[in-house]
Protein backbone atom coordinates (compact mmCIF):
# COMPACT_ATOMS: atom_id res chain seq x y z
CA MET A 1 -27.12 -2.99 0.95
CA ARG A 2 -24.16 -4.02 -1.02
CA LEU A 3 -22.57 -1.46 -3.04
CA PRO A 4 -20.84 -2.26 -6.38
CA VAL A 5 -17.01 -2.46 -6.19
CA ALA A 6 -15.21 -1.14 -9.20
CA ILE A 7 -11.80 -2.74 -10.26
CA VAL A 8 -9.58 -0.83 -12.20
CA LEU A 9 -6.85 -2.67 -14.02
CA THR A 10 -3.93 -1.03 -15.52
CA SER A 11 -0.93 -2.10 -17.86
CA VAL A 12 2.53 -0.67 -17.99
CA VAL A 13 4.49 -1.22 -21.05
CA ALA A 14 8.11 -1.48 -19.92
CA SER A 15 10.88 -0.06 -22.19
CA PRO A 16 13.69 -2.52 -22.68
CA ALA A 17 15.85 -0.24 -20.35
CA MET A 18 13.36 -0.63 -17.56
CA ALA A 19 13.39 -4.36 -17.94
CA ASP A 20 16.92 -4.85 -17.67
CA PHE A 21 17.22 -2.42 -14.80
CA GLN A 22 17.78 -4.39 -11.47
CA LEU A 23 18.59 -3.37 -7.94
CA SER A 24 20.00 -6.01 -5.38
CA PHE A 25 21.29 -6.06 -1.85
CA ASP A 26 22.09 -9.09 0.61
CA GLY A 27 21.01 -7.49 3.87
CA TRP A 28 20.64 -4.74 5.94
CA GLY A 29 24.15 -4.63 6.60
CA ASP A 30 25.48 -3.65 10.27
CA ILE A 31 22.65 -1.51 11.55
CA PRO A 32 21.48 -1.56 15.16
CA SER A 33 18.40 -3.76 15.79
CA CYS A 34 15.40 -1.43 15.93
CA THR A 35 11.64 -2.24 16.64
CA SER A 36 10.73 0.59 18.72
CA GLY A 37 9.11 2.73 15.90
CA ARG A 38 12.05 5.23 16.24
CA PRO A 39 14.44 4.62 13.54
CA ASN A 40 18.05 5.18 13.80
CA ILE A 41 20.21 7.39 11.03
CA VAL A 42 22.31 4.83 9.59
CA GLY A 43 24.67 4.09 6.30
CA ASN A 44 23.04 2.33 3.51
CA PRO A 45 23.89 -1.38 2.73
CA ASP A 46 25.70 -2.44 -0.12
CA PHE A 47 23.80 -2.26 -3.28
CA VAL A 48 24.24 -3.69 -6.65
CA LEU A 49 22.87 -2.16 -9.80
CA ASN A 50 22.63 -4.29 -13.14
CA GLY A 51 21.42 -3.09 -16.45
CA VAL A 52 21.86 0.45 -15.77
CA PRO A 53 20.35 2.32 -18.75
CA GLU A 54 22.60 4.05 -21.27
CA GLY A 55 22.75 7.84 -20.75
CA THR A 56 22.30 7.48 -17.14
CA LYS A 57 24.17 10.27 -15.28
CA THR A 58 22.86 9.87 -11.58
CA ILE A 59 20.88 7.10 -9.59
CA GLN A 60 18.90 8.00 -6.65
CA ILE A 61 17.92 5.30 -4.22
CA GLU A 62 14.96 5.38 -1.68
CA LEU A 63 13.44 3.39 1.02
CA THR A 64 9.81 2.90 1.59
CA ASP A 65 7.85 0.93 4.43
CA LEU A 66 5.06 -0.78 2.29
CA ASP A 67 3.27 -1.30 5.51
CA VAL A 68 3.63 2.61 6.24
CA PRO A 69 4.40 4.17 2.93
CA HIS A 70 3.72 7.76 3.98
CA TYR A 71 6.73 7.72 6.46
CA ASN A 72 9.81 9.21 4.87
CA HIS A 73 12.70 7.01 5.43
CA GLY A 74 14.64 9.05 3.10
CA GLY A 75 17.52 7.87 0.88
CA SER A 76 20.21 8.96 -1.35
CA GLN A 77 20.47 12.32 -3.07
CA LYS A 78 21.51 11.98 -6.86
CA LEU A 79 24.53 9.55 -7.00
CA GLU A 80 27.13 9.00 -9.70
CA ILE A 81 27.60 5.27 -10.28
CA SER A 82 30.82 3.41 -11.13
CA GLY A 83 31.01 1.22 -14.30
CA ASP A 84 30.31 -1.93 -12.02
CA GLY A 85 27.07 -0.74 -10.54
CA ALA A 86 28.31 -0.90 -7.20
CA VAL A 87 26.98 1.49 -4.49
CA ALA A 88 29.36 0.80 -1.55
CA ALA A 89 27.94 0.54 2.27
CA GLY A 90 27.65 4.02 4.03
CA THR A 91 27.55 5.79 0.71
CA PHE A 92 24.36 7.79 2.10
CA LYS A 93 22.25 7.97 5.21
CA TYR A 94 18.76 7.10 5.81
CA LYS A 95 16.47 6.40 8.56
CA SER A 96 16.67 2.51 9.38
CA PRO A 97 13.70 0.11 9.22
CA CYS A 98 12.28 -0.04 12.78
CA PRO A 99 8.50 -1.35 12.79
CA PRO A 100 6.88 -1.08 16.22
CA ASN A 101 4.60 -3.87 15.64
CA GLY A 102 6.03 -6.96 14.17
CA VAL A 103 7.85 -7.61 10.77
CA HIS A 104 7.31 -4.75 7.98
CA THR A 105 8.12 -5.22 4.20
CA TYR A 106 10.49 -2.52 2.84
CA GLN A 107 11.09 -1.55 -0.79
CA TRP A 108 14.32 0.04 -2.18
CA THR A 109 13.61 1.93 -5.32
CA ALA A 110 16.75 3.14 -7.58
CA THR A 111 15.75 5.64 -10.31
CA ALA A 112 18.15 6.09 -13.16
CA ARG A 113 18.18 9.61 -14.51
CA SER A 114 19.57 11.56 -17.59
CA ASP A 115 19.37 15.13 -16.14
CA ASP A 116 15.65 15.40 -15.08
CA LYS A 117 14.45 12.63 -17.23
CA ILE A 118 13.69 9.37 -15.79
CA LEU A 119 15.25 6.33 -17.73
CA ALA A 120 14.11 3.37 -15.60
CA GLU A 121 13.23 2.36 -11.99
CA ALA A 122 14.26 -0.84 -10.38
CA THR A 123 13.07 -2.04 -6.84
CA THR A 124 13.73 -4.70 -4.45
CA ASN A 125 11.81 -5.88 -1.33
CA ARG A 126 12.95 -7.35 2.03
CA ASP A 127 11.32 -7.92 5.44
CA TYR A 128 12.71 -6.16 8.62
CA PRO A 129 13.35 -7.87 11.10
CA GLU A 130 14.38 -10.69 9.04
């Protein structure tokens, strides 16, 4: 017997601030190779934030393994960002990517805040190992 499948579609209306806010990085930086499933504690790679919303006081950057989203890789505390949007390598520590069975896709998320209010979020994805 086949059961009916319900598909729920949702739409998100992005504010102009959310549409312009972007996070990028060129690579994982100088981290030890890891495919054992036991991550290393490492410093973050260089990040660039563009279109940081007006009124942003802090940015929080976190890493998620999209193949194992419940695993907490950690990330930054609330960072104060310079006017050029750069976050230098080694500014904060996190648990490195370290998939035990092949390539995983990882997502960095930057959250711009004004006090406790979220102004915008930006994400970027990258595979590890590359």
